[in-house]
């Protein structure tokens, strides 16, 4: 008998609070969806996505690795493309795939050296040091860390003469 009363009380929808709650939730859903704007990849939004993926790298390397090929195709300039490639290489470092990571990091380092991008070059050298350490080559890891330190302490070199 008590179960019948509970059933009757929950099915009293006309004019009840449960129905008005669903109506309000529907209205809120419609209003919030009417302001929806699809995500477009401008350069600022791409850099924000890169930062978010960078922050997620250590906890979710597989997720980051799966997101990067699409971003690589959408990058507008070569500098952004190589920054994304550097992040892609770091996913391989995190998963212990040192051979793949080293090949990608060498490409990034070549680009950074040619374009005098010290920040990107320092990141690539640091990741190369990690791959050396993962492979048991601590002397090589120290060499690459020393190269990174040299980039951060020495003044930038210019390719033009006065």
N, C-alpha and C. Protein backbone atom coordinates (compact mmCIF):
# COMPACT_ATOMS: atom_id res chain seq x y z
N UNK A 1 0.82 -1.19 0.00
CA UNK A 1 0.00 0.00 0.00
C UNK A 1 0.86 1.25 0.00
N UNK A 2 1.95 1.25 0.76
CA UNK A 2 2.81 2.42 0.81
C UNK A 2 3.51 2.64 -0.53
N UNK A 3 3.82 1.56 -1.22
CA UNK A 3 4.46 1.71 -2.52
C UNK A 3 3.51 2.36 -3.52
N UNK A 4 2.21 2.09 -3.44
CA UNK A 4 1.24 2.71 -4.33
C UNK A 4 1.18 4.21 -4.10
N UNK A 5 1.27 4.63 -2.86
CA UNK A 5 1.23 6.06 -2.55
C UNK A 5 2.45 6.76 -3.12
N UNK A 6 3.61 6.14 -3.01
CA UNK A 6 4.83 6.75 -3.56
C UNK A 6 4.71 6.87 -5.07
N UNK A 7 4.18 5.84 -5.72
CA UNK A 7 4.02 5.87 -7.17
C UNK A 7 3.07 6.98 -7.58
N UNK A 8 1.99 7.14 -6.89
CA UNK A 8 1.02 8.17 -7.22
C UNK A 8 1.61 9.55 -7.00
N UNK A 9 2.42 9.71 -5.96
CA UNK A 9 2.99 11.02 -5.66
C UNK A 9 4.00 11.44 -6.73
N UNK A 10 4.74 10.50 -7.26
CA UNK A 10 5.76 10.86 -8.25
C UNK A 10 5.18 11.07 -9.64
N UNK A 11 4.00 10.57 -9.89
CA UNK A 11 3.42 10.73 -11.22
C UNK A 11 2.44 11.88 -11.29
N UNK A 12 2.36 12.69 -10.27
CA UNK A 12 1.47 13.84 -10.30
C UNK A 12 2.18 14.98 -11.04
N UNK A 13 2.31 14.86 -12.33
CA UNK A 13 3.02 15.83 -13.14
C UNK A 13 2.24 17.10 -13.42
N UNK A 14 0.91 17.07 -13.65
CA UNK A 14 0.23 18.31 -14.00
C UNK A 14 0.33 19.33 -12.87
N UNK A 15 0.98 20.44 -13.20
CA UNK A 15 1.11 21.53 -12.24
C UNK A 15 2.11 21.26 -11.13
N UNK A 16 2.80 20.12 -11.17
CA UNK A 16 3.74 19.78 -10.11
C UNK A 16 5.09 20.45 -10.31
N UNK A 17 5.92 20.39 -9.27
CA UNK A 17 7.25 21.01 -9.32
C UNK A 17 8.18 20.30 -10.29
N UNK A 18 8.02 19.01 -10.46
CA UNK A 18 8.89 18.26 -11.37
C UNK A 18 8.73 18.74 -12.80
N UNK A 19 7.50 19.00 -13.22
CA UNK A 19 7.27 19.45 -14.59
C UNK A 19 7.85 20.85 -14.81
N UNK A 20 7.66 21.74 -13.88
CA UNK A 20 8.18 23.10 -14.05
C UNK A 20 9.71 23.10 -14.06
N UNK A 21 10.32 22.19 -13.31
CA UNK A 21 11.77 22.08 -13.32
C UNK A 21 12.27 21.69 -14.71
N UNK A 22 11.60 20.71 -15.34
CA UNK A 22 12.00 20.30 -16.68
C UNK A 22 11.76 21.40 -17.70
N UNK A 23 10.70 22.18 -17.55
CA UNK A 23 10.44 23.29 -18.46
C UNK A 23 11.55 24.33 -18.35
N UNK A 24 11.94 24.67 -17.12
CA UNK A 24 13.01 25.65 -16.94
C UNK A 24 14.35 25.12 -17.47
N UNK A 25 14.63 23.85 -17.26
CA UNK A 25 15.87 23.29 -17.79
C UNK A 25 15.88 23.34 -19.32
N UNK A 26 14.73 23.09 -19.93
CA UNK A 26 14.63 23.17 -21.39
C UNK A 26 14.86 24.58 -21.90
N UNK A 27 14.29 25.56 -21.20
CA UNK A 27 14.48 26.96 -21.60
C UNK A 27 15.94 27.35 -21.47
N UNK A 28 16.57 26.97 -20.37
CA UNK A 28 17.98 27.29 -20.17
C UNK A 28 18.83 26.65 -21.25
N UNK A 29 18.54 25.41 -21.60
CA UNK A 29 19.28 24.71 -22.65
C UNK A 29 19.14 25.41 -23.99
N UNK A 30 17.93 25.83 -24.33
CA UNK A 30 17.71 26.53 -25.60
C UNK A 30 18.44 27.87 -25.64
N UNK A 31 18.40 28.60 -24.55
CA UNK A 31 19.06 29.90 -24.51
C UNK A 31 20.57 29.74 -24.60
N UNK A 32 21.11 28.77 -23.87
CA UNK A 32 22.57 28.59 -23.90
C UNK A 32 23.04 28.09 -25.26
N UNK A 33 22.26 27.27 -25.94
CA UNK A 33 22.66 26.76 -27.26
C UNK A 33 22.48 27.81 -28.36
N UNK A 34 21.64 28.80 -28.14
CA UNK A 34 21.43 29.81 -29.18
C UNK A 34 22.65 30.72 -29.33
N UNK A 35 23.50 30.80 -28.31
CA UNK A 35 24.71 31.63 -28.37
C UNK A 35 25.94 30.83 -28.79
N UNK A 36 25.76 29.61 -29.21
CA UNK A 36 26.89 28.74 -29.58
C UNK A 36 27.56 29.25 -30.84
N UNK A 37 28.89 29.35 -30.78
CA UNK A 37 29.68 29.71 -31.95
C UNK A 37 30.68 28.59 -32.18
N UNK A 38 30.74 28.04 -33.38
CA UNK A 38 31.69 26.95 -33.61
C UNK A 38 33.12 27.42 -33.43
N UNK A 39 33.98 26.50 -33.02
CA UNK A 39 35.37 26.81 -32.77
C UNK A 39 36.10 27.01 -34.09
N UNK A 40 36.73 28.16 -34.22
CA UNK A 40 37.54 28.41 -35.42
C UNK A 40 38.98 28.58 -34.97
N UNK A 41 39.89 28.05 -35.75
CA UNK A 41 41.30 28.08 -35.37
C UNK A 41 41.99 29.34 -35.86
N UNK A 42 41.88 30.40 -35.08
CA UNK A 42 42.72 31.55 -35.35
C UNK A 42 44.06 31.28 -34.68
N UNK A 43 45.02 32.13 -34.91
CA UNK A 43 46.36 31.90 -34.36
C UNK A 43 46.34 31.93 -32.83
N UNK A 44 45.54 32.82 -32.22
CA UNK A 44 45.47 32.88 -30.77
C UNK A 44 44.84 31.62 -30.20
N UNK A 45 43.78 31.14 -30.82
CA UNK A 45 43.12 29.94 -30.33
C UNK A 45 44.04 28.72 -30.48
N UNK A 46 44.83 28.71 -31.54
CA UNK A 46 45.76 27.61 -31.74
C UNK A 46 46.83 27.62 -30.66
N UNK A 47 47.32 28.80 -30.29
CA UNK A 47 48.34 28.87 -29.24
C UNK A 47 47.75 28.48 -27.89
N UNK A 48 46.49 28.81 -27.64
CA UNK A 48 45.84 28.38 -26.40
C UNK A 48 45.72 26.87 -26.38
N UNK A 49 45.32 26.28 -27.49
CA UNK A 49 45.21 24.82 -27.57
C UNK A 49 46.57 24.16 -27.37
N UNK A 50 47.64 24.79 -27.91
CA UNK A 50 48.99 24.26 -27.71
C UNK A 50 49.37 24.28 -26.23
N UNK A 51 49.03 25.37 -25.54
CA UNK A 51 49.35 25.46 -24.12
C UNK A 51 48.59 24.41 -23.31
N UNK A 52 47.32 24.22 -23.64
CA UNK A 52 46.51 23.22 -22.93
C UNK A 52 47.09 21.82 -23.16
N UNK A 53 47.47 21.53 -24.39
CA UNK A 53 48.05 20.22 -24.68
C UNK A 53 49.41 20.06 -23.99
N UNK A 54 50.18 21.14 -23.94
CA UNK A 54 51.46 21.10 -23.24
C UNK A 54 51.27 20.78 -21.77
N UNK A 55 50.25 21.39 -21.17
CA UNK A 55 49.97 21.14 -19.76
C UNK A 55 49.49 19.71 -19.52
N UNK A 56 48.85 19.11 -20.52
CA UNK A 56 48.32 17.75 -20.38
C UNK A 56 49.34 16.68 -20.75
N UNK A 57 50.48 17.08 -21.24
CA UNK A 57 51.45 16.13 -21.79
C UNK A 57 51.87 15.06 -20.80
N UNK A 58 52.17 15.42 -19.58
CA UNK A 58 52.72 14.45 -18.64
C UNK A 58 51.65 13.51 -18.08
N UNK A 59 50.41 13.96 -18.02
CA UNK A 59 49.34 13.10 -17.49
C UNK A 59 48.65 12.29 -18.58
N UNK A 60 48.56 12.84 -19.80
CA UNK A 60 47.82 12.18 -20.87
C UNK A 60 48.57 12.24 -22.20
N UNK A 61 49.74 11.61 -22.31
CA UNK A 61 50.51 11.71 -23.55
C UNK A 61 49.80 11.12 -24.77
N UNK A 62 49.03 10.07 -24.58
CA UNK A 62 48.32 9.47 -25.72
C UNK A 62 47.25 10.42 -26.26
N UNK A 63 46.54 11.09 -25.37
CA UNK A 63 45.53 12.06 -25.80
C UNK A 63 46.18 13.20 -26.58
N UNK A 64 47.29 13.71 -26.05
CA UNK A 64 47.99 14.80 -26.72
C UNK A 64 48.48 14.35 -28.08
N UNK A 65 49.05 13.14 -28.14
CA UNK A 65 49.54 12.62 -29.43
C UNK A 65 48.42 12.48 -30.45
N UNK A 66 47.23 12.11 -30.01
CA UNK A 66 46.10 11.96 -30.93
C UNK A 66 45.56 13.31 -31.41
N UNK A 67 45.71 14.36 -30.63
CA UNK A 67 45.21 15.68 -31.00
C UNK A 67 46.14 16.43 -31.96
N UNK A 68 47.42 16.15 -31.89
CA UNK A 68 48.40 16.95 -32.62
C UNK A 68 48.38 16.82 -34.15
N UNK A 69 48.11 15.66 -34.76
CA UNK A 69 48.11 15.63 -36.22
C UNK A 69 47.11 16.60 -36.85
N UNK A 70 45.94 16.75 -36.26
CA UNK A 70 44.97 17.71 -36.77
C UNK A 70 45.46 19.14 -36.64
N UNK A 71 46.11 19.45 -35.54
CA UNK A 71 46.65 20.80 -35.35
C UNK A 71 47.82 21.06 -36.29
N UNK A 72 48.62 20.04 -36.55
CA UNK A 72 49.73 20.22 -37.50
C UNK A 72 49.21 20.57 -38.89
N UNK A 73 48.10 19.96 -39.29
CA UNK A 73 47.52 20.28 -40.60
C UNK A 73 46.93 21.69 -40.63
N UNK A 74 46.50 22.20 -39.48
CA UNK A 74 45.85 23.50 -39.43
C UNK A 74 46.81 24.66 -39.18
N UNK A 75 48.06 24.37 -38.87
CA UNK A 75 48.98 25.46 -38.53
C UNK A 75 49.24 26.33 -39.76
N UNK A 76 49.30 27.62 -39.49
CA UNK A 76 49.41 28.59 -40.59
C UNK A 76 50.84 28.90 -40.99
N UNK A 77 51.78 28.79 -40.07
CA UNK A 77 53.16 29.14 -40.40
C UNK A 77 54.12 28.05 -39.92
N UNK A 78 55.34 28.13 -40.41
CA UNK A 78 56.30 27.06 -40.12
C UNK A 78 56.74 27.08 -38.66
N UNK A 79 56.80 28.24 -38.04
CA UNK A 79 57.21 28.31 -36.63
C UNK A 79 56.22 27.57 -35.74
N UNK A 80 54.94 27.79 -35.96
CA UNK A 80 53.91 27.09 -35.19
C UNK A 80 53.96 25.60 -35.49
N UNK A 81 54.17 25.24 -36.76
CA UNK A 81 54.23 23.84 -37.14
C UNK A 81 55.35 23.13 -36.39
N UNK A 82 56.53 23.76 -36.31
CA UNK A 82 57.65 23.11 -35.62
C UNK A 82 57.46 23.10 -34.10
N UNK A 83 56.76 24.07 -33.54
CA UNK A 83 56.44 24.02 -32.12
C UNK A 83 55.52 22.84 -31.83
N UNK A 84 54.55 22.63 -32.72
CA UNK A 84 53.66 21.48 -32.58
C UNK A 84 54.42 20.17 -32.77
N UNK A 85 55.34 20.15 -33.73
CA UNK A 85 56.15 18.96 -33.95
C UNK A 85 57.01 18.65 -32.73
N UNK A 86 57.52 19.69 -32.08
CA UNK A 86 58.29 19.52 -30.87
C UNK A 86 57.42 18.89 -29.76
N UNK A 87 56.20 19.36 -29.65
CA UNK A 87 55.27 18.79 -28.68
C UNK A 87 54.96 17.33 -29.02
N UNK A 88 54.80 17.06 -30.31
CA UNK A 88 54.56 15.68 -30.77
C UNK A 88 55.74 14.78 -30.41
N UNK A 89 56.95 15.30 -30.58
CA UNK A 89 58.15 14.53 -30.23
C UNK A 89 58.19 14.27 -28.72
N UNK A 90 57.74 15.23 -27.93
CA UNK A 90 57.73 15.03 -26.48
C UNK A 90 56.76 13.94 -26.07
N UNK A 91 55.69 13.75 -26.83
CA UNK A 91 54.78 12.64 -26.51
C UNK A 91 55.50 11.31 -26.68
N UNK A 92 56.36 11.22 -27.71
CA UNK A 92 57.14 10.01 -27.91
C UNK A 92 58.15 9.83 -26.77
N UNK A 93 58.73 10.95 -26.30
CA UNK A 93 59.66 10.87 -25.17
C UNK A 93 58.93 10.32 -23.94
N UNK A 94 57.72 10.83 -23.70
CA UNK A 94 56.96 10.41 -22.52
C UNK A 94 56.59 8.93 -22.58
N UNK A 95 56.42 8.41 -23.78
CA UNK A 95 56.04 7.01 -23.93
C UNK A 95 57.26 6.09 -24.09
N UNK A 96 58.46 6.66 -24.02
CA UNK A 96 59.68 5.85 -24.08
C UNK A 96 60.11 5.47 -25.48
N UNK A 97 59.55 6.09 -26.50
CA UNK A 97 59.94 5.79 -27.89
C UNK A 97 61.06 6.75 -28.30
N UNK A 98 62.26 6.43 -27.85
CA UNK A 98 63.37 7.38 -28.00
C UNK A 98 63.83 7.53 -29.44
N UNK A 99 63.78 6.48 -30.24
CA UNK A 99 64.25 6.58 -31.63
C UNK A 99 63.36 7.53 -32.43
N UNK A 100 62.04 7.36 -32.32
CA UNK A 100 61.11 8.25 -33.02
C UNK A 100 61.23 9.68 -32.52
N UNK A 101 61.35 9.81 -31.20
CA UNK A 101 61.45 11.14 -30.61
C UNK A 101 62.72 11.83 -31.08
N UNK A 102 63.81 11.12 -31.11
CA UNK A 102 65.09 11.73 -31.49
C UNK A 102 65.06 12.22 -32.94
N UNK A 103 64.44 11.44 -33.83
CA UNK A 103 64.35 11.86 -35.23
C UNK A 103 63.53 13.14 -35.36
N UNK A 104 62.41 13.22 -34.66
CA UNK A 104 61.58 14.42 -34.71
C UNK A 104 62.29 15.61 -34.07
N UNK A 105 62.97 15.37 -32.95
CA UNK A 105 63.67 16.47 -32.26
C UNK A 105 64.83 17.00 -33.08
N UNK A 106 65.48 16.14 -33.85
CA UNK A 106 66.56 16.61 -34.73
C UNK A 106 66.02 17.55 -35.81
N UNK A 107 64.84 17.23 -36.34
CA UNK A 107 64.20 18.12 -37.33
C UNK A 107 63.87 19.47 -36.71
N UNK A 108 63.33 19.43 -35.49
CA UNK A 108 62.98 20.67 -34.79
C UNK A 108 64.23 21.49 -34.52
N UNK A 109 65.29 20.84 -34.06
CA UNK A 109 66.54 21.54 -33.75
C UNK A 109 67.14 22.17 -35.01
N UNK A 110 67.11 21.46 -36.14
CA UNK A 110 67.63 22.01 -37.40
C UNK A 110 66.86 23.27 -37.79
N UNK A 111 65.54 23.22 -37.69
CA UNK A 111 64.72 24.39 -38.02
C UNK A 111 65.02 25.55 -37.07
N UNK A 112 65.11 25.26 -35.78
CA UNK A 112 65.33 26.31 -34.79
C UNK A 112 66.71 26.95 -34.97
N UNK A 113 67.72 26.13 -35.29
CA UNK A 113 69.06 26.67 -35.54
C UNK A 113 69.06 27.58 -36.76
N UNK A 114 68.39 27.17 -37.82
CA UNK A 114 68.36 27.96 -39.05
C UNK A 114 67.60 29.27 -38.85
N UNK A 115 66.55 29.25 -38.05
CA UNK A 115 65.75 30.44 -37.82
C UNK A 115 66.15 31.22 -36.60
N UNK A 116 67.21 30.79 -35.90
CA UNK A 116 67.71 31.45 -34.69
C UNK A 116 66.61 31.57 -33.63
N UNK A 117 65.82 30.52 -33.48
CA UNK A 117 64.77 30.47 -32.45
C UNK A 117 65.34 29.77 -31.23
N UNK A 118 65.92 30.55 -30.33
CA UNK A 118 66.63 30.00 -29.18
C UNK A 118 65.72 29.25 -28.22
N UNK A 119 64.51 29.72 -28.05
CA UNK A 119 63.58 29.08 -27.13
C UNK A 119 63.21 27.67 -27.61
N UNK A 120 62.87 27.57 -28.88
CA UNK A 120 62.52 26.27 -29.46
C UNK A 120 63.72 25.34 -29.47
N UNK A 121 64.90 25.90 -29.76
CA UNK A 121 66.11 25.10 -29.78
C UNK A 121 66.43 24.57 -28.38
N UNK A 122 66.24 25.41 -27.36
CA UNK A 122 66.49 24.97 -25.98
C UNK A 122 65.52 23.85 -25.58
N UNK A 123 64.26 23.98 -26.00
CA UNK A 123 63.29 22.92 -25.70
C UNK A 123 63.68 21.62 -26.38
N UNK A 124 64.11 21.71 -27.64
CA UNK A 124 64.51 20.51 -28.38
C UNK A 124 65.75 19.87 -27.75
N UNK A 125 66.75 20.68 -27.39
CA UNK A 125 67.95 20.15 -26.76
C UNK A 125 67.62 19.48 -25.42
N UNK A 126 66.74 20.10 -24.67
CA UNK A 126 66.36 19.52 -23.38
C UNK A 126 65.68 18.16 -23.57
N UNK A 127 64.79 18.07 -24.55
CA UNK A 127 64.12 16.79 -24.82
C UNK A 127 65.11 15.76 -25.35
N UNK A 128 66.10 16.20 -26.14
CA UNK A 128 67.14 15.28 -26.62
C UNK A 128 67.93 14.74 -25.43
N UNK A 129 68.22 15.60 -24.46
CA UNK A 129 68.92 15.16 -23.24
C UNK A 129 68.11 14.09 -22.51
N UNK A 130 66.80 14.26 -22.46
CA UNK A 130 65.95 13.27 -21.80
C UNK A 130 66.01 11.93 -22.55
N UNK A 131 65.99 11.99 -23.89
CA UNK A 131 66.07 10.73 -24.65
C UNK A 131 67.41 10.04 -24.43
N UNK A 132 68.48 10.82 -24.32
CA UNK A 132 69.79 10.22 -24.05
C UNK A 132 69.80 9.57 -22.67
N UNK A 133 69.21 10.24 -21.70
CA UNK A 133 69.16 9.68 -20.36
C UNK A 133 68.30 8.42 -20.31
N UNK A 134 67.20 8.40 -21.05
CA UNK A 134 66.35 7.20 -21.11
C UNK A 134 67.10 6.03 -21.72
N UNK A 135 68.00 6.32 -22.65
CA UNK A 135 68.78 5.26 -23.30
C UNK A 135 70.01 4.85 -22.50
N UNK A 136 70.21 5.46 -21.34
CA UNK A 136 71.35 5.10 -20.50
C UNK A 136 72.64 5.81 -20.87
N UNK A 137 72.55 6.89 -21.64
CA UNK A 137 73.74 7.64 -22.06
C UNK A 137 73.80 8.94 -21.29
N UNK A 138 74.21 8.85 -20.01
CA UNK A 138 74.20 10.05 -19.18
C UNK A 138 75.23 11.08 -19.61
N UNK A 139 76.34 10.66 -20.18
CA UNK A 139 77.32 11.63 -20.64
C UNK A 139 76.76 12.46 -21.80
N UNK A 140 76.03 11.84 -22.70
CA UNK A 140 75.40 12.57 -23.80
C UNK A 140 74.29 13.47 -23.27
N UNK A 141 73.55 13.00 -22.28
CA UNK A 141 72.49 13.82 -21.69
C UNK A 141 73.08 15.08 -21.08
N UNK A 142 74.22 14.94 -20.39
CA UNK A 142 74.87 16.11 -19.80
C UNK A 142 75.36 17.08 -20.88
N UNK A 143 75.84 16.54 -21.99
CA UNK A 143 76.27 17.39 -23.09
C UNK A 143 75.11 18.24 -23.60
N UNK A 144 73.95 17.60 -23.84
CA UNK A 144 72.80 18.34 -24.37
C UNK A 144 72.24 19.32 -23.35
N UNK A 145 72.28 18.97 -22.07
CA UNK A 145 71.85 19.92 -21.04
C UNK A 145 72.79 21.13 -20.99
N UNK A 146 74.09 20.85 -21.19
CA UNK A 146 75.05 21.96 -21.24
C UNK A 146 74.77 22.86 -22.45
N UNK A 147 74.41 22.27 -23.58
CA UNK A 147 74.05 23.05 -24.76
C UNK A 147 72.82 23.93 -24.47
N UNK A 148 71.85 23.37 -23.76
CA UNK A 148 70.65 24.13 -23.40
C UNK A 148 71.02 25.29 -22.50
N UNK A 149 71.87 25.03 -21.51
CA UNK A 149 72.29 26.08 -20.58
C UNK A 149 73.04 27.18 -21.32
N UNK A 150 73.86 26.79 -22.29
CA UNK A 150 74.59 27.79 -23.08
C UNK A 150 73.65 28.69 -23.87
N UNK A 151 72.56 28.14 -24.36
CA UNK A 151 71.59 28.95 -25.09
C UNK A 151 70.91 29.96 -24.18
N UNK A 152 70.67 29.56 -22.95
CA UNK A 152 69.93 30.42 -22.04
C UNK A 152 70.80 31.50 -21.42
N UNK A 153 72.13 31.31 -21.35
CA UNK A 153 73.00 32.28 -20.68
C UNK A 153 73.76 33.18 -21.64
N UNK A 154 74.01 32.73 -22.86
CA UNK A 154 74.78 33.56 -23.80
C UNK A 154 73.86 34.54 -24.52
N UNK A 155 74.42 35.68 -24.95
CA UNK A 155 73.59 36.62 -25.70
C UNK A 155 73.23 36.05 -27.07
N UNK A 156 72.09 36.45 -27.62
CA UNK A 156 71.69 35.93 -28.93
C UNK A 156 72.65 36.37 -30.02
N UNK A 157 72.88 35.50 -30.97
CA UNK A 157 73.74 35.81 -32.11
C UNK A 157 72.88 36.30 -33.26
N UNK A 158 73.39 37.27 -33.99
CA UNK A 158 72.67 37.77 -35.15
C UNK A 158 73.40 37.35 -36.41
N UNK A 159 72.67 37.26 -37.50
CA UNK A 159 73.25 36.83 -38.77
C UNK A 159 73.66 38.02 -39.64
N UNK A 160 73.59 39.22 -39.13
CA UNK A 160 73.95 40.38 -39.94
C UNK A 160 75.13 41.10 -39.34
N UNK A 161 75.85 41.84 -40.18
CA UNK A 161 77.04 42.58 -39.74
C UNK A 161 76.72 44.06 -39.69
N UNK A 162 77.40 44.75 -38.77
CA UNK A 162 77.18 46.21 -38.68
C UNK A 162 78.10 46.96 -39.60
